[in-house]
C-alpha atoms as a PDB file:
ATOM      1  CA  MET A   1       0.071   0.026   0.066  1.00  0.00           C
ATOM      2  CA  ILE A   2       1.277   3.407  -0.840  1.00  0.00           C
ATOM      3  CA  ASN A   3       1.161   5.989   1.928  1.00  0.00           C
ATOM      4  CA  TYR A   4      -0.384   9.276   0.523  1.00  0.00           C
ATOM      5  CA  ASN A   5       0.489  11.729   3.121  1.00  0.00           C
ATOM      6  CA  ALA A   6       2.430  14.998   2.998  1.00  0.00           C
ATOM      7  CA  ASN A   7       5.755  13.078   2.711  1.00  0.00           C
ATOM      8  CA  SER A   8       4.521  10.519   0.111  1.00  0.00           C
ATOM      9  CA  LEU A   9       6.749  12.022  -2.568  1.00  0.00           C
ATOM     10  CA  SER A  10       9.837  11.459  -0.590  1.00  0.00           C
ATOM     11  CA  GLU A  11       8.941   8.413   1.587  1.00  0.00           C
ATOM     12  CA  ARG A  12       7.248   5.391   0.186  1.00  0.00           C
ATOM     13  CA  LYS A  13       7.375   2.015   1.935  1.00  0.00           C
ATOM     14  CA  GLY A  14      10.332   2.924   3.995  1.00  0.00           C
ATOM     15  CA  GLU A  15      12.328   4.591   1.238  1.00  0.00           C
ATOM     16  CA  PRO A  16      14.798   7.038   2.678  1.00  0.00           C
ATOM     17  CA  ARG A  17      14.122  10.718   2.193  1.00  0.00           C
ATOM     18  CA  ARG A  18      15.715  12.112  -0.935  1.00  0.00           C
ATOM     19  CA  GLY A  19      15.968  15.491   0.460  1.00  0.00           C
ATOM     20  CA  TRP A  20      15.359  18.903  -1.063  1.00  0.00           C
ATOM     21  CA  LEU A  21      15.228  17.523  -4.656  1.00  0.00           C
ATOM     22  CA  ALA A  22      12.430  15.164  -3.813  1.00  0.00           C
ATOM     23  CA  ARG A  23      10.363  17.803  -2.002  1.00  0.00           C
ATOM     24  CA  PHE A  24      10.864  20.678  -4.434  1.00  0.00           C
ATOM     25  CA  GLY A  25      11.973  19.053  -7.602  1.00  0.00           C
ATOM     26  CA  LEU A  26       8.398  18.425  -8.869  1.00  0.00           C
ATOM     27  CA  GLY A  27       7.567  22.100  -8.124  1.00  0.00           C
ATOM     28  CA  ILE A  28      10.562  23.243 -10.101  1.00  0.00           C
ATOM     29  CA  VAL A  29       9.840  21.070 -13.079  1.00  0.00           C
ATOM     30  CA  LEU A  30       6.199  22.192 -13.080  1.00  0.00           C
ATOM     31  CA  SER A  31       7.024  25.921 -12.846  1.00  0.00           C
ATOM     32  CA  LEU A  32       9.673  25.687 -15.587  1.00  0.00           C
ATOM     33  CA  GLY A  33       7.126  23.772 -17.790  1.00  0.00           C
ATOM     34  CA  MET A  34       4.505  26.546 -17.113  1.00  0.00           C
ATOM     35  CA  THR A  35       7.086  29.281 -17.915  1.00  0.00           C
ATOM     36  CA  ILE A  36       7.887  27.596 -21.179  1.00  0.00           C
ATOM     37  CA  ALA A  37       4.148  27.172 -22.054  1.00  0.00           C
ATOM     38  CA  PHE A  38       3.460  30.727 -21.138  1.00  0.00           C
ATOM     39  CA  GLN A  39       6.243  32.004 -23.406  1.00  0.00           C
ATOM     40  CA  GLU A  40       4.929  29.879 -26.324  1.00  0.00           C
ATOM     41  CA  ASN A  41       1.373  31.188 -25.642  1.00  0.00           C
ATOM     42  CA  SER A  42       2.489  34.867 -25.394  1.00  0.00           C
ATOM     43  CA  SER A  43       4.032  34.565 -28.833  1.00  0.00           C
ATOM     44  CA  ALA A  44       0.622  33.313 -30.134  1.00  0.00           C
ATOM     45  CA  VAL A  45      -0.925  36.585 -29.018  1.00  0.00           C
ATOM     46  CA  SER A  46       0.920  38.344 -31.814  1.00  0.00           C
ATOM     47  CA  LYS A  47       0.171  35.790 -34.558  1.00  0.00           C
ATOM     48  CA  PRO A  48      -3.489  34.828 -35.222  1.00  0.00           C
ATOM     49  CA  LYS A  49      -4.227  31.217 -34.566  1.00  0.00           C
ATOM     50  CA  GLU A  50      -4.891  28.879 -37.413  1.00  0.00           C
ATOM     51  CA  LEU A  51      -8.550  28.053 -37.718  1.00  0.00           C
ATOM     52  CA  LYS A  52      -9.668  24.502 -38.341  1.00  0.00           C
ATOM     53  CA  VAL A  53     -12.010  23.541 -40.969  1.00  0.00           C
ATOM     54  CA  ASN A  54     -14.885  22.791 -38.636  1.00  0.00           C
ATOM     55  CA  THR A  55     -14.518  26.062 -36.929  1.00  0.00           C
ATOM     56  CA  LEU A  56     -14.736  27.821 -40.396  1.00  0.00           C
ATOM     57  CA  LYS A  57     -17.880  25.820 -41.296  1.00  0.00           C
ATOM     58  CA  GLN A  58     -19.415  26.650 -37.797  1.00  0.00           C
ATOM     59  CA  ILE A  59     -18.809  30.364 -38.383  1.00  0.00           C
ATOM     60  CA  THR A  60     -20.223  30.227 -41.864  1.00  0.00           C
ATOM     61  CA  PHE A  61     -23.170  28.290 -40.769  1.00  0.00           C
ATOM     62  CA  HIS A  62     -23.806  30.970 -38.102  1.00  0.00           C
ATOM     63  CA  LYS A  63     -23.432  33.789 -40.616  1.00  0.00           C
ATOM     64  CA  MET A  64     -26.008  32.104 -42.900  1.00  0.00           C
ATOM     65  CA  ASN A  65     -28.691  32.235 -40.065  1.00  0.00           C
ATOM     66  CA  TYR A  66     -28.391  28.376 -39.610  1.00  0.00           C
ATOM     67  CA  ASP A  67     -30.061  27.635 -43.014  1.00  0.00           C
ATOM     68  CA  PHE A  68     -28.892  24.104 -43.402  1.00  0.00           C
ATOM     69  CA  GLU A  69     -30.069  23.638 -47.031  1.00  0.00           C
ATOM     70  CA  GLN A  70     -28.032  26.834 -48.131  1.00  0.00           C
ATOM     71  CA  PHE A  71     -25.023  25.822 -45.993  1.00  0.00           C
ATOM     72  CA  TYR A  72     -25.057  22.399 -47.670  1.00  0.00           C
ATOM     73  CA  CYS A  73     -24.848  23.998 -51.042  1.00  0.00           C
ATOM     74  CA  LEU A  74     -22.222  26.553 -49.884  1.00  0.00           C
ATOM     75  CA  ASP A  75     -20.219  23.797 -48.326  1.00  0.00           C
ATOM     76  CA  GLU A  76     -20.027  21.996 -51.595  1.00  0.00           C
ATOM     77  CA  ILE A  77     -18.800  25.055 -53.489  1.00  0.00           C
ATOM     78  CA  VAL A  78     -16.263  26.051 -50.938  1.00  0.00           C
ATOM     79  CA  PHE A  79     -14.969  22.490 -50.802  1.00  0.00           C
ATOM     80  CA  LYS A  80     -14.636  22.300 -54.639  1.00  0.00           C
ATOM     81  CA  GLU A  81     -12.966  25.658 -54.753  1.00  0.00           C
ATOM     82  CA  SER A  82     -10.458  25.457 -51.851  1.00  0.00           C
ATOM     83  CA  ARG A  83     -11.061  22.448 -49.627  1.00  0.00           C
ATOM     84  CA  TRP A  84     -11.918  24.946 -46.884  1.00  0.00           C
ATOM     85  CA  ASN A  85      -8.245  26.121 -47.058  1.00  0.00           C
ATOM     86  CA  TYR A  86      -8.284  29.857 -46.482  1.00  0.00           C
ATOM     87  CA  LYS A  87      -4.722  30.034 -47.802  1.00  0.00           C
ATOM     88  CA  ALA A  88      -5.692  28.333 -51.133  1.00  0.00           C
ATOM     89  CA  LYS A  89      -4.150  30.095 -54.097  1.00  0.00           C
ATOM     90  CA  ASN A  90      -5.058  29.399 -57.728  1.00  0.00           C
ATOM     91  CA  PRO A  91      -1.869  29.255 -59.804  1.00  0.00           C
ATOM     92  CA  LYS A  92      -3.703  29.946 -63.075  1.00  0.00           C
ATOM     93  CA  SER A  93      -5.535  33.161 -61.862  1.00  0.00           C
ATOM     94  CA  SER A  94      -5.588  35.780 -59.157  1.00  0.00           C
ATOM     95  CA  ALA A  95      -8.082  33.816 -57.104  1.00  0.00           C
ATOM     96  CA  TYR A  96      -7.374  33.384 -53.390  1.00  0.00           C
ATOM     97  CA  GLY A  97      -9.017  32.075 -50.281  1.00  0.00           C
ATOM     98  CA  LEU A  98     -11.881  29.987 -49.310  1.00  0.00           C
ATOM     99  CA  PHE A  99     -14.217  31.173 -51.988  1.00  0.00           C
ATOM    100  CA  GLN A 100     -11.469  31.641 -54.685  1.00  0.00           C
ATOM    101  CA  ILE A 101     -12.489  35.325 -55.290  1.00  0.00           C
ATOM    102  CA  LEU A 102     -10.512  36.923 -58.069  1.00  0.00           C
ATOM    103  CA  LYS A 103      -8.018  39.643 -57.120  1.00  0.00           C
ATOM    104  CA  SER A 104      -8.627  38.960 -53.479  1.00  0.00           C
ATOM    105  CA  LYS A 105      -5.794  39.660 -51.112  1.00  0.00           C
ATOM    106  CA  GLU A 106      -7.708  39.022 -47.935  1.00  0.00           C
ATOM    107  CA  HIS A 107      -5.801  36.739 -45.518  1.00  0.00           C
ATOM    108  CA  ASP A 108      -8.320  36.838 -42.640  1.00  0.00           C
ATOM    109  CA  PRO A 109     -10.655  33.742 -43.096  1.00  0.00           C
ATOM    110  CA  ILE A 110     -13.512  35.482 -41.280  1.00  0.00           C
ATOM    111  CA  LYS A 111     -13.462  38.395 -43.722  1.00  0.00           C
ATOM    112  CA  GLN A 112     -13.168  35.890 -46.553  1.00  0.00           C
ATOM    113  CA  ILE A 113     -16.377  34.253 -45.320  1.00  0.00           C
ATOM    114  CA  ASP A 114     -18.127  37.621 -45.121  1.00  0.00           C
ATOM    115  CA  ASN A 115     -16.822  38.576 -48.753  1.00  0.00           C
ATOM    116  CA  GLY A 116     -17.902  35.205 -50.148  1.00  0.00           C
ATOM    117  CA  LEU A 117     -21.363  35.607 -48.671  1.00  0.00           C
ATOM    118  CA  LYS A 118     -21.691  39.141 -49.913  1.00  0.00           C
ATOM    119  CA  TYR A 119     -20.792  37.999 -53.360  1.00  0.00           C
ATOM    120  CA  ILE A 120     -23.329  35.217 -53.315  1.00  0.00           C
ATOM    121  CA  ASN A 121     -25.958  37.679 -52.061  1.00  0.00           C
ATOM    122  CA  ALA A 122     -25.209  40.075 -54.832  1.00  0.00           C
ATOM    123  CA  ARG A 123     -24.794  37.575 -57.760  1.00  0.00           C
ATOM    124  CA  TYR A 124     -27.333  34.878 -56.787  1.00  0.00           C
ATOM    125  CA  GLN A 125     -29.834  36.777 -54.471  1.00  0.00           C
ATOM    126  CA  GLY A 126     -28.422  35.099 -51.395  1.00  0.00           C
ATOM    127  CA  CYS A 127     -29.011  31.640 -52.714  1.00  0.00           C
ATOM    128  CA  ALA A 128     -26.003  29.291 -52.466  1.00  0.00           C
ATOM    129  CA  CYS A 129     -27.959  26.548 -54.104  1.00  0.00           C
ATOM    130  CA  LYS A 130     -28.312  28.825 -57.245  1.00  0.00           C
ATOM    131  CA  ALA A 131     -24.567  29.459 -57.125  1.00  0.00           C
ATOM    132  CA  LEU A 132     -23.953  25.645 -56.820  1.00  0.00           C
ATOM    133  CA  ALA A 133     -26.156  24.989 -59.883  1.00  0.00           C
ATOM    134  CA  HIS A 134     -24.218  27.443 -61.924  1.00  0.00           C
ATOM    135  CA  HIS A 135     -20.949  26.046 -60.702  1.00  0.00           C
ATOM    136  CA  LYS A 136     -22.138  22.456 -61.755  1.00  0.00           C
ATOM    137  CA  LYS A 137     -23.184  23.846 -65.131  1.00  0.00           C
ATOM    138  CA  LYS A 138     -20.286  26.241 -66.055  1.00  0.00           C
ATOM    139  CA  GLY A 139     -17.392  25.186 -63.614  1.00  0.00           C
ATOM    140  CA  TRP A 140     -17.379  28.502 -61.768  1.00  0.00           C
ATOM    141  CA  TYR A 141     -19.859  30.582 -59.856  1.00  0.00           C
END
C-alpha cells in the first residue's frame, strides 16, 4: 500500500528521504514547464491562430442564419474551390482564399467568409444553391 500523506513523494514504503530535490523538484519542473508554455502562448498573441475547417464551417453556418439547405450548397462550393483552405491560391489566376474570389488579397478567413457571402448575395440573390447549380453547369460561380 502506498502512503499518501504529505511526505509521500519522498517516503514510500520505508524509502529514505531524498532531501530537497524530492520535495521541491516536482515544483521546479512544473514551474519551468509553465514558464515555457506561457512564453509559447505569449508569442501566439501576436500571430492569429490557425482556424480549423470545422470552426470555419461553424462560423459560416452561423453567418447564414443556420439555414442548413443553403449551407449544404455553400459547403459543396467551398470544398470544390479550396477544400476549406483559407490560404488556397489558384496558380492559373488571381483567385485566393476559401471562395477563390478573383483579385482577393484578404488573408483573414472570417473576412473571406463575409466577402464570399456578400458575393453570393449580390450575384445569386443570397441563394447558395443557385450558385452551386451555376458552378455545376459552368465550372465557376
